[in-house]
């Protein structure tokens, strides 16, 4: 997707994108006044950043962070409500918004680079969905999570998709039906996040994860991430057949030959990617 100067400037105002020398790309939601709500523009900016990173060979892992008092407050309810004045009472805008959200979440899953959420504060509704969609997630001790749509008459149906694929059914339904905030410790116990750290260590820990991944074969990581999400939707026997085929094809790759050889020879591998 080609962006003109105006588009790039608008995107920069919504997200801050910085890459370090190790190939780690940090994408920071930068709309603290709206609590980083997922307006249509914000979702487009995030999708653009993910798509760009997907095709950029110098990017090896992505950290998704946020500025301000919230990680992400979910969909922009003010934006949605304003379109109730449309001729169709907002139906087309609501449909477009949900479609953009679905495209963003699927882009994160489809991205060959692992995406790691660094959650410093609250992640609610579609913001919680965003965390659940990321491959890994690190959260501050003070972070909180919820899918509170049921409290305002709008069940969190799209967040439910990511949530139900990351936590147990009873836990997912508890979050969706009660709409209560849960602590970072509970989120870790539920399987929503990987690690709880001190508030000041969130970005550093997420970046440490990313840097460890960046030192591995990017081709192998991409193969594994894609296969993980594909097999997860398959029946057991089909998943084993699929994974066995992936493993054989992976064994034939140059990096597998190099990595196994380096292990046997007790030396550091030199990845071809």
C-alpha atoms as a PDB file:
ATOM      1  CA  UNK A   1       0.000   0.000   0.000  1.00  0.00           C
ATOM      2  CA  UNK A   2       1.476   3.344  -1.088  1.00  0.00           C
ATOM      3  CA  UNK A   3       1.031   6.315   1.246  1.00  0.00           C
ATOM      4  CA  UNK A   4       1.272   9.950   0.247  1.00  0.00           C
ATOM      5  CA  UNK A   5       2.885  12.584   2.484  1.00  0.00           C
ATOM      6  CA  UNK A   6      -0.428  13.518   4.117  1.00  0.00           C
ATOM      7  CA  UNK A   7      -1.219   9.875   4.933  1.00  0.00           C
ATOM      8  CA  UNK A   8       2.222   9.334   6.440  1.00  0.00           C
ATOM      9  CA  UNK A   9       1.889  12.458   8.579  1.00  0.00           C
ATOM     10  CA  UNK A  10      -1.553  11.384   9.806  1.00  0.00           C
ATOM     11  CA  UNK A  11      -0.299   7.889  10.616  1.00  0.00           C
ATOM     12  CA  UNK A  12       2.674   9.310  12.514  1.00  0.00           C
ATOM     13  CA  UNK A  13       0.288  11.318  14.687  1.00  0.00           C
ATOM     14  CA  UNK A  14      -1.586   8.149  15.653  1.00  0.00           C
ATOM     15  CA  UNK A  15       1.268   5.689  16.116  1.00  0.00           C
ATOM     16  CA  UNK A  16       4.962   6.130  16.724  1.00  0.00           C
ATOM     17  CA  UNK A  17       7.120   3.579  14.875  1.00  0.00           C
ATOM     18  CA  UNK A  18      10.767   3.070  15.807  1.00  0.00           C
ATOM     19  CA  UNK A  19      13.200   0.283  14.892  1.00  0.00           C
ATOM     20  CA  UNK A  20      16.370  -0.576  16.789  1.00  0.00           C
ATOM     21  CA  UNK A  21      19.602  -2.077  15.484  1.00  0.00           C
ATOM     22  CA  UNK A  22      18.514  -5.608  16.449  1.00  0.00           C
ATOM     23  CA  UNK A  23      15.548  -5.587  14.088  1.00  0.00           C
ATOM     24  CA  UNK A  24      12.976  -4.959  16.823  1.00  0.00           C
ATOM     25  CA  UNK A  25      10.201  -2.603  15.737  1.00  0.00           C
ATOM     26  CA  UNK A  26       8.350  -0.761  18.521  1.00  0.00           C
ATOM     27  CA  UNK A  27       4.914   0.481  17.460  1.00  0.00           C
ATOM     28  CA  UNK A  28       3.408   2.815  20.063  1.00  0.00           C
ATOM     29  CA  UNK A  29      -0.243   3.855  20.121  1.00  0.00           C
ATOM     30  CA  UNK A  30       0.057   7.616  20.559  1.00  0.00           C
ATOM     31  CA  UNK A  31      -3.414   9.017  21.221  1.00  0.00           C
ATOM     32  CA  UNK A  32      -3.497   9.363  25.018  1.00  0.00           C
ATOM     33  CA  UNK A  33      -6.362  11.887  24.920  1.00  0.00           C
ATOM     34  CA  UNK A  34      -8.675   9.195  23.539  1.00  0.00           C
ATOM     35  CA  UNK A  35      -7.062   6.489  25.675  1.00  0.00           C
ATOM     36  CA  UNK A  36      -5.756   5.072  22.395  1.00  0.00           C
ATOM     37  CA  UNK A  37      -9.256   4.128  21.279  1.00  0.00           C
ATOM     38  CA  UNK A  38      -9.488   2.121  18.075  1.00  0.00           C
ATOM     39  CA  UNK A  39     -11.025   4.707  15.803  1.00  0.00           C
ATOM     40  CA  UNK A  40     -11.111   3.818  12.129  1.00  0.00           C
ATOM     41  CA  UNK A  41      -8.037   5.987  11.595  1.00  0.00           C
ATOM     42  CA  UNK A  42      -6.148   4.329  14.466  1.00  0.00           C
ATOM     43  CA  UNK A  43      -6.947   0.859  13.164  1.00  0.00           C
ATOM     44  CA  UNK A  44      -5.776   1.858   9.693  1.00  0.00           C
ATOM     45  CA  UNK A  45      -2.546   3.286  11.110  1.00  0.00           C
ATOM     46  CA  UNK A  46      -1.879   0.095  13.065  1.00  0.00           C
ATOM     47  CA  UNK A  47      -2.731  -2.099  10.092  1.00  0.00           C
ATOM     48  CA  UNK A  48      -0.390  -0.065   7.881  1.00  0.00           C
ATOM     49  CA  UNK A  49       2.432  -0.467  10.412  1.00  0.00           C
ATOM     50  CA  UNK A  50       1.895  -4.227  10.662  1.00  0.00           C
ATOM     51  CA  UNK A  51       1.669  -4.669   6.890  1.00  0.00           C
ATOM     52  CA  UNK A  52       4.838  -2.641   6.375  1.00  0.00           C
ATOM     53  CA  UNK A  53       6.675  -4.676   9.008  1.00  0.00           C
ATOM     54  CA  UNK A  54       5.450  -7.916   7.459  1.00  0.00           C
ATOM     55  CA  UNK A  55       7.263  -7.188   4.205  1.00  0.00           C
ATOM     56  CA  UNK A  56      10.315  -5.465   5.716  1.00  0.00           C
ATOM     57  CA  UNK A  57      13.139  -8.015   5.909  1.00  0.00           C
ATOM     58  CA  UNK A  58      15.014  -5.895   8.462  1.00  0.00           C
ATOM     59  CA  UNK A  59      12.165  -6.261  10.991  1.00  0.00           C
ATOM     60  CA  UNK A  60      12.452  -9.470  13.000  1.00  0.00           C
ATOM     61  CA  UNK A  61       9.976  -8.867  15.846  1.00  0.00           C
ATOM     62  CA  UNK A  62       7.384  -6.251  16.810  1.00  0.00           C
ATOM     63  CA  UNK A  63       6.568  -4.755  20.211  1.00  0.00           C
ATOM     64  CA  UNK A  64       3.166  -3.091  20.493  1.00  0.00           C
ATOM     65  CA  UNK A  65       3.155  -0.439  23.229  1.00  0.00           C
ATOM     66  CA  UNK A  66       1.027   2.588  24.124  1.00  0.00           C
ATOM     67  CA  UNK A  67       1.374   6.097  25.504  1.00  0.00           C
ATOM     68  CA  UNK A  68      -0.782   7.703  28.166  1.00  0.00           C
ATOM     69  CA  UNK A  69      -3.112   6.495  30.929  1.00  0.00           C
ATOM     70  CA  UNK A  70      -4.488   3.465  29.048  1.00  0.00           C
ATOM     71  CA  UNK A  71      -3.113   0.822  26.737  1.00  0.00           C
ATOM     72  CA  UNK A  72      -6.264   0.816  24.617  1.00  0.00           C
ATOM     73  CA  UNK A  73      -9.875   1.637  25.482  1.00  0.00           C
ATOM     74  CA  UNK A  74     -11.387  -0.384  22.642  1.00  0.00           C
ATOM     75  CA  UNK A  75     -13.532   1.053  19.902  1.00  0.00           C
ATOM     76  CA  UNK A  76     -14.082   4.815  19.832  1.00  0.00           C
ATOM     77  CA  UNK A  77     -17.643   5.002  21.186  1.00  0.00           C
ATOM     78  CA  UNK A  78     -17.900   8.734  20.471  1.00  0.00           C
ATOM     79  CA  UNK A  79     -17.033   8.119  16.821  1.00  0.00           C
ATOM     80  CA  UNK A  80     -19.545   5.277  16.592  1.00  0.00           C
ATOM     81  CA  UNK A  81     -22.313   7.247  18.313  1.00  0.00           C
ATOM     82  CA  UNK A  82     -21.829  10.255  16.012  1.00  0.00           C
ATOM     83  CA  UNK A  83     -22.750   8.086  13.029  1.00  0.00           C
ATOM     84  CA  UNK A  84     -26.169   7.260  14.458  1.00  0.00           C
ATOM     85  CA  UNK A  85     -27.141  10.513  12.732  1.00  0.00           C
ATOM     86  CA  UNK A  86     -26.348   8.996   9.317  1.00  0.00           C
ATOM     87  CA  UNK A  87     -29.205   8.266   6.935  1.00  0.00           C
ATOM     88  CA  UNK A  88     -28.948   4.548   7.703  1.00  0.00           C
ATOM     89  CA  UNK A  89     -28.616   5.191  11.470  1.00  0.00           C
ATOM     90  CA  UNK A  90     -24.957   4.181  11.290  1.00  0.00           C
ATOM     91  CA  UNK A  91     -25.274   0.629   9.961  1.00  0.00           C
ATOM     92  CA  UNK A  92     -22.706   1.068   7.171  1.00  0.00           C
ATOM     93  CA  UNK A  93     -20.198   2.842   9.420  1.00  0.00           C
ATOM     94  CA  UNK A  94     -20.591   0.213  12.141  1.00  0.00           C
ATOM     95  CA  UNK A  95     -20.072  -2.554   9.561  1.00  0.00           C
ATOM     96  CA  UNK A  96     -16.999  -0.799   8.167  1.00  0.00           C
ATOM     97  CA  UNK A  97     -15.579  -0.387  11.678  1.00  0.00           C
ATOM     98  CA  UNK A  98     -16.004  -4.054  12.554  1.00  0.00           C
ATOM     99  CA  UNK A  99     -14.530  -5.082   9.218  1.00  0.00           C
ATOM    100  CA  UNK A 100     -11.470  -2.866   9.785  1.00  0.00           C
ATOM    101  CA  UNK A 101     -11.070  -4.330  13.259  1.00  0.00           C
ATOM    102  CA  UNK A 102     -11.259  -7.885  11.921  1.00  0.00           C
ATOM    103  CA  UNK A 103      -8.701  -7.038   9.231  1.00  0.00           C
ATOM    104  CA  UNK A 104      -6.314  -5.567  11.816  1.00  0.00           C
ATOM    105  CA  UNK A 105      -6.526  -8.581  14.122  1.00  0.00           C
ATOM    106  CA  UNK A 106      -6.051 -11.001  11.245  1.00  0.00           C
ATOM    107  CA  UNK A 107      -3.102  -8.954   9.952  1.00  0.00           C
ATOM    108  CA  UNK A 108      -1.380  -9.380  13.333  1.00  0.00           C
ATOM    109  CA  UNK A 109      -1.942 -13.140  13.247  1.00  0.00           C
ATOM    110  CA  UNK A 110      -0.830 -13.359   9.600  1.00  0.00           C
ATOM    111  CA  UNK A 111       2.266 -11.211  10.161  1.00  0.00           C
ATOM    112  CA  UNK A 112       5.338 -13.477   9.874  1.00  0.00           C
ATOM    113  CA  UNK A 113       7.050 -11.458  12.625  1.00  0.00           C
ATOM    114  CA  UNK A 114       6.004 -12.220  16.226  1.00  0.00           C
ATOM    115  CA  UNK A 115       4.007  -9.387  17.818  1.00  0.00           C
ATOM    116  CA  UNK A 116       4.455  -8.774  21.548  1.00  0.00           C
ATOM    117  CA  UNK A 117       2.078  -6.549  23.525  1.00  0.00           C
ATOM    118  CA  UNK A 118       3.638  -4.373  26.253  1.00  0.00           C
ATOM    119  CA  UNK A 119       0.639  -3.452  28.421  1.00  0.00           C
ATOM    120  CA  UNK A 120       1.246  -0.722  30.974  1.00  0.00           C
ATOM    121  CA  UNK A 121      -2.350   0.105  31.969  1.00  0.00           C
ATOM    122  CA  UNK A 122      -5.939  -0.833  31.132  1.00  0.00           C
ATOM    123  CA  UNK A 123      -6.870  -2.808  28.032  1.00  0.00           C
ATOM    124  CA  UNK A 124     -10.627  -2.916  27.616  1.00  0.00           C
ATOM    125  CA  UNK A 125     -13.060  -4.360  25.044  1.00  0.00           C
ATOM    126  CA  UNK A 126     -11.343  -4.292  21.630  1.00  0.00           C
ATOM    127  CA  UNK A 127      -8.199  -3.206  23.489  1.00  0.00           C
ATOM    128  CA  UNK A 128      -8.314  -6.502  25.367  1.00  0.00           C
ATOM    129  CA  UNK A 129      -8.928  -8.172  22.000  1.00  0.00           C
ATOM    130  CA  UNK A 130      -5.763  -6.530  20.702  1.00  0.00           C
ATOM    131  CA  UNK A 131      -3.743  -7.981  23.585  1.00  0.00           C
ATOM    132  CA  UNK A 132      -5.275 -11.435  23.110  1.00  0.00           C
ATOM    133  CA  UNK A 133      -4.484 -11.307  19.392  1.00  0.00           C
ATOM    134  CA  UNK A 134      -0.764 -10.605  19.902  1.00  0.00           C
ATOM    135  CA  UNK A 135       1.480 -13.662  19.968  1.00  0.00           C
ATOM    136  CA  UNK A 136       2.917 -12.781  23.375  1.00  0.00           C
ATOM    137  CA  UNK A 137       1.991 -10.230  26.032  1.00  0.00           C
ATOM    138  CA  UNK A 138       3.794  -8.656  28.983  1.00  0.00           C
ATOM    139  CA  UNK A 139       1.845  -6.568  31.483  1.00  0.00           C
ATOM    140  CA  UNK A 140       2.574  -4.241  34.362  1.00  0.00           C
ATOM    141  CA  UNK A 141       1.540  -5.272  37.855  1.00  0.00           C
ATOM    142  CA  UNK A 142      -1.000  -2.432  37.827  1.00  0.00           C
ATOM    143  CA  UNK A 143      -2.457  -3.334  34.407  1.00  0.00           C
ATOM    144  CA  UNK A 144      -6.091  -4.390  34.190  1.00  0.00           C
ATOM    145  CA  UNK A 145      -8.187  -6.099  31.532  1.00  0.00           C
ATOM    146  CA  UNK A 146     -11.879  -6.430  30.781  1.00  0.00           C
ATOM    147  CA  UNK A 147     -14.517  -6.957  28.121  1.00  0.00           C
ATOM    148  CA  UNK A 148     -17.211  -4.669  29.579  1.00  0.00           C
ATOM    149  CA  UNK A 149     -19.573  -4.380  26.623  1.00  0.00           C
ATOM    150  CA  UNK A 150     -22.321  -6.294  28.412  1.00  0.00           C
ATOM    151  CA  UNK A 151     -22.486  -3.437  30.946  1.00  0.00           C
ATOM    152  CA  UNK A 152     -23.582  -0.956  28.254  1.00  0.00           C
ATOM    153  CA  UNK A 153     -25.808  -3.229  26.194  1.00  0.00           C
ATOM    154  CA  UNK A 154     -23.165  -4.099  23.600  1.00  0.00           C
ATOM    155  CA  UNK A 155     -21.805  -7.629  24.048  1.00  0.00           C
ATOM    156  CA  UNK A 156     -18.093  -7.859  23.180  1.00  0.00           C
ATOM    157  CA  UNK A 157     -18.685 -10.263  20.315  1.00  0.00           C
ATOM    158  CA  UNK A 158     -15.603  -9.494  18.244  1.00  0.00           C
ATOM    159  CA  UNK A 159     -13.273  -9.383  21.278  1.00  0.00           C
ATOM    160  CA  UNK A 160     -14.810 -12.766  22.120  1.00  0.00           C
ATOM    161  CA  UNK A 161     -13.130 -14.310  19.054  1.00  0.00           C
ATOM    162  CA  UNK A 162      -9.589 -13.575  20.229  1.00  0.00           C
ATOM    163  CA  UNK A 163     -10.401 -14.049  23.911  1.00  0.00           C
ATOM    164  CA  UNK A 164     -11.969 -17.498  23.447  1.00  0.00           C
ATOM    165  CA  UNK A 165      -8.912 -18.639  21.494  1.00  0.00           C
ATOM    166  CA  UNK A 166      -6.514 -17.658  24.273  1.00  0.00           C
ATOM    167  CA  UNK A 167      -8.218 -18.481  27.565  1.00  0.00           C
ATOM    168  CA  UNK A 168     -10.407 -21.332  28.756  1.00  0.00           C
ATOM    169  CA  UNK A 169     -14.103 -21.186  27.875  1.00  0.00           C
ATOM    170  CA  UNK A 170     -15.303 -20.704  31.436  1.00  0.00           C
ATOM    171  CA  UNK A 171     -12.824 -17.865  31.989  1.00  0.00           C
ATOM    172  CA  UNK A 172     -13.743 -16.254  28.671  1.00  0.00           C
ATOM    173  CA  UNK A 173     -17.450 -16.417  29.463  1.00  0.00           C
ATOM    174  CA  UNK A 174     -16.803 -15.028  32.943  1.00  0.00           C
ATOM    175  CA  UNK A 175     -15.071 -11.998  31.439  1.00  0.00           C
ATOM    176  CA  UNK A 176     -17.717 -11.554  28.740  1.00  0.00           C
ATOM    177  CA  UNK A 177     -20.782 -12.034  30.943  1.00  0.00           C
ATOM    178  CA  UNK A 178     -19.645 -10.176  34.062  1.00  0.00           C
ATOM    179  CA  UNK A 179     -17.744  -7.377  32.336  1.00  0.00           C
ATOM    180  CA  UNK A 180     -15.533  -6.927  35.403  1.00  0.00           C
ATOM    181  CA  UNK A 181     -11.946  -5.709  35.438  1.00  0.00           C
ATOM    182  CA  UNK A 182      -9.406  -8.432  36.151  1.00  0.00           C
ATOM    183  CA  UNK A 183      -5.893  -7.932  37.472  1.00  0.00           C
ATOM    184  CA  UNK A 184      -2.693  -8.635  35.602  1.00  0.00           C
ATOM    185  CA  UNK A 185      -2.097 -11.610  37.899  1.00  0.00           C
ATOM    186  CA  UNK A 186      -5.502 -13.072  37.002  1.00  0.00           C
ATOM    187  CA  UNK A 187      -4.905 -12.340  33.319  1.00  0.00           C
ATOM    188  CA  UNK A 188      -1.686 -14.364  33.536  1.00  0.00           C
ATOM    189  CA  UNK A 189      -3.464 -17.198  35.342  1.00  0.00           C
ATOM    190  CA  UNK A 190      -6.193 -17.183  32.659  1.00  0.00           C
ATOM    191  CA  UNK A 191      -3.579 -17.396  29.881  1.00  0.00           C
ATOM    192  CA  UNK A 192      -4.332 -13.955  28.442  1.00  0.00           C
ATOM    193  CA  UNK A 193      -0.787 -12.684  29.090  1.00  0.00           C
ATOM    194  CA  UNK A 194       2.609 -14.329  29.496  1.00  0.00           C
ATOM    195  CA  UNK A 195       4.343 -12.302  32.178  1.00  0.00           C
ATOM    196  CA  UNK A 196       3.582  -9.771  34.936  1.00  0.00           C
ATOM    197  CA  UNK A 197       6.429  -7.378  35.765  1.00  0.00           C
ATOM    198  CA  UNK A 198       6.982  -4.184  37.725  1.00  0.00           C
ATOM    199  CA  UNK A 199       5.360  -1.157  36.136  1.00  0.00           C
ATOM    200  CA  UNK A 200       8.655   0.328  35.005  1.00  0.00           C
ATOM    201  CA  UNK A 201       9.857  -2.903  33.376  1.00  0.00           C
ATOM    202  CA  UNK A 202       7.078  -3.602  30.873  1.00  0.00           C
ATOM    203  CA  UNK A 203       8.648  -2.241  27.708  1.00  0.00           C
ATOM    204  CA  UNK A 204      12.107  -3.524  28.635  1.00  0.00           C
ATOM    205  CA  UNK A 205      10.777  -7.044  29.236  1.00  0.00           C
ATOM    206  CA  UNK A 206       8.740  -7.077  26.019  1.00  0.00           C
ATOM    207  CA  UNK A 207      11.804  -5.789  24.148  1.00  0.00           C
ATOM    208  CA  UNK A 208      13.938  -8.513  25.750  1.00  0.00           C
ATOM    209  CA  UNK A 209      11.488 -11.123  24.423  1.00  0.00           C
ATOM    210  CA  UNK A 210      11.662  -9.480  20.995  1.00  0.00           C
ATOM    211  CA  UNK A 211      15.461  -9.356  21.000  1.00  0.00           C
ATOM    212  CA  UNK A 212      15.703 -13.057  21.863  1.00  0.00           C
ATOM    213  CA  UNK A 213      13.385 -13.866  18.972  1.00  0.00           C
ATOM    214  CA  UNK A 214      15.322 -11.521  16.674  1.00  0.00           C
ATOM    215  CA  UNK A 215      18.459 -13.601  17.202  1.00  0.00           C
ATOM    216  CA  UNK A 216      16.765 -16.703  15.808  1.00  0.00           C
ATOM    217  CA  UNK A 217      16.202 -17.654  12.164  1.00  0.00           C
ATOM    218  CA  UNK A 218      13.446 -15.366  10.887  1.00  0.00           C
ATOM    219  CA  UNK A 219      12.445 -17.985   8.290  1.00  0.00           C
ATOM    220  CA  UNK A 220      12.029 -20.611  11.008  1.00  0.00           C
ATOM    221  CA  UNK A 221      10.063 -18.257  13.247  1.00  0.00           C
ATOM    222  CA  UNK A 222       7.755 -17.296  10.368  1.00  0.00           C
ATOM    223  CA  UNK A 223       7.168 -20.951   9.508  1.00  0.00           C
ATOM    224  CA  UNK A 224       6.390 -21.796  13.105  1.00  0.00           C
ATOM    225  CA  UNK A 225       4.034 -18.882  13.727  1.00  0.00           C
ATOM    226  CA  UNK A 226       2.009 -19.593  10.600  1.00  0.00           C
ATOM    227  CA  UNK A 227       1.795 -23.298  11.386  1.00  0.00           C
ATOM    228  CA  UNK A 228       0.792 -22.675  15.000  1.00  0.00           C
ATOM    229  CA  UNK A 229      -2.349 -20.745  14.068  1.00  0.00           C
ATOM    230  CA  UNK A 230      -3.244 -23.098  11.216  1.00  0.00           C
ATOM    231  CA  UNK A 231      -3.041 -26.295  13.271  1.00  0.00           C
ATOM    232  CA  UNK A 232      -4.956 -24.744  16.170  1.00  0.00           C
ATOM    233  CA  UNK A 233      -8.132 -24.766  14.072  1.00  0.00           C
ATOM    234  CA  UNK A 234      -7.763 -28.404  12.943  1.00  0.00           C
ATOM    235  CA  UNK A 235      -8.966 -31.725  14.415  1.00  0.00           C
ATOM    236  CA  UNK A 236      -6.176 -33.626  16.188  1.00  0.00           C
ATOM    237  CA  UNK A 237      -5.300 -36.148  13.466  1.00  0.00           C
ATOM    238  CA  UNK A 238      -5.393 -33.495  10.747  1.00  0.00           C
ATOM    239  CA  UNK A 239      -3.215 -31.219  12.880  1.00  0.00           C
ATOM    240  CA  UNK A 240      -0.566 -33.930  13.292  1.00  0.00           C
ATOM    241  CA  UNK A 241      -0.547 -34.688   9.560  1.00  0.00           C
ATOM    242  CA  UNK A 242      -0.214 -30.986   8.798  1.00  0.00           C
ATOM    243  CA  UNK A 243       2.481 -30.388  11.423  1.00  0.00           C
ATOM    244  CA  UNK A 244       4.451 -33.429  10.251  1.00  0.00           C
ATOM    245  CA  UNK A 245       4.504 -32.057   6.711  1.00  0.00           C
ATOM    246  CA  UNK A 246       5.607 -28.632   8.007  1.00  0.00           C
ATOM    247  CA  UNK A 247       8.367 -30.303  10.026  1.00  0.00           C
ATOM    248  CA  UNK A 248       9.671 -32.218   7.007  1.00  0.00           C
ATOM    249  CA  UNK A 249       9.701 -29.084   4.843  1.00  0.00           C
ATOM    250  CA  UNK A 250      11.385 -27.179   7.669  1.00  0.00           C
ATOM    251  CA  UNK A 251      14.060 -29.900   7.939  1.00  0.00           C
ATOM    252  CA  UNK A 252      14.904 -29.319   4.276  1.00  0.00           C
ATOM    253  CA  UNK A 253      15.465 -25.572   4.807  1.00  0.00           C
ATOM    254  CA  UNK A 254      18.983 -24.157   4.889  1.00  0.00           C
ATOM    255  CA  UNK A 255      18.589 -22.720   8.390  1.00  0.00           C
ATOM    256  CA  UNK A 256      17.567 -26.091   9.830  1.00  0.00           C
ATOM    257  CA  UNK A 257      20.636 -27.704   8.300  1.00  0.00           C
ATOM    258  CA  UNK A 258      22.826 -24.886   9.647  1.00  0.00           C
ATOM    259  CA  UNK A 259      21.197 -24.835  13.089  1.00  0.00           C
ATOM    260  CA  UNK A 260      21.426 -28.591  13.642  1.00  0.00           C
ATOM    261  CA  UNK A 261      24.995 -28.614  12.357  1.00  0.00           C
ATOM    262  CA  UNK A 262      25.950 -25.744  14.653  1.00  0.00           C
ATOM    263  CA  UNK A 263      24.366 -27.519  17.629  1.00  0.00           C
ATOM    264  CA  UNK A 264      26.267 -30.734  16.938  1.00  0.00           C
ATOM    265  CA  UNK A 265      29.511 -28.837  16.344  1.00  0.00           C
ATOM    266  CA  UNK A 266      28.971 -26.719  19.481  1.00  0.00           C
ATOM    267  CA  UNK A 267      29.162 -23.356  17.673  1.00  0.00           C
ATOM    268  CA  UNK A 268      26.858 -20.396  17.060  1.00  0.00           C
ATOM    269  CA  UNK A 269      24.710 -20.732  13.942  1.00  0.00           C
ATOM    270  CA  UNK A 270      24.889 -18.330  11.030  1.00  0.00           C
ATOM    271  CA  UNK A 271      21.351 -17.881   9.751  1.00  0.00           C
ATOM    272  CA  UNK A 272      20.592 -17.495   6.058  1.00  0.00           C
ATOM    273  CA  UNK A 273      16.966 -16.463   6.716  1.00  0.00           C
END
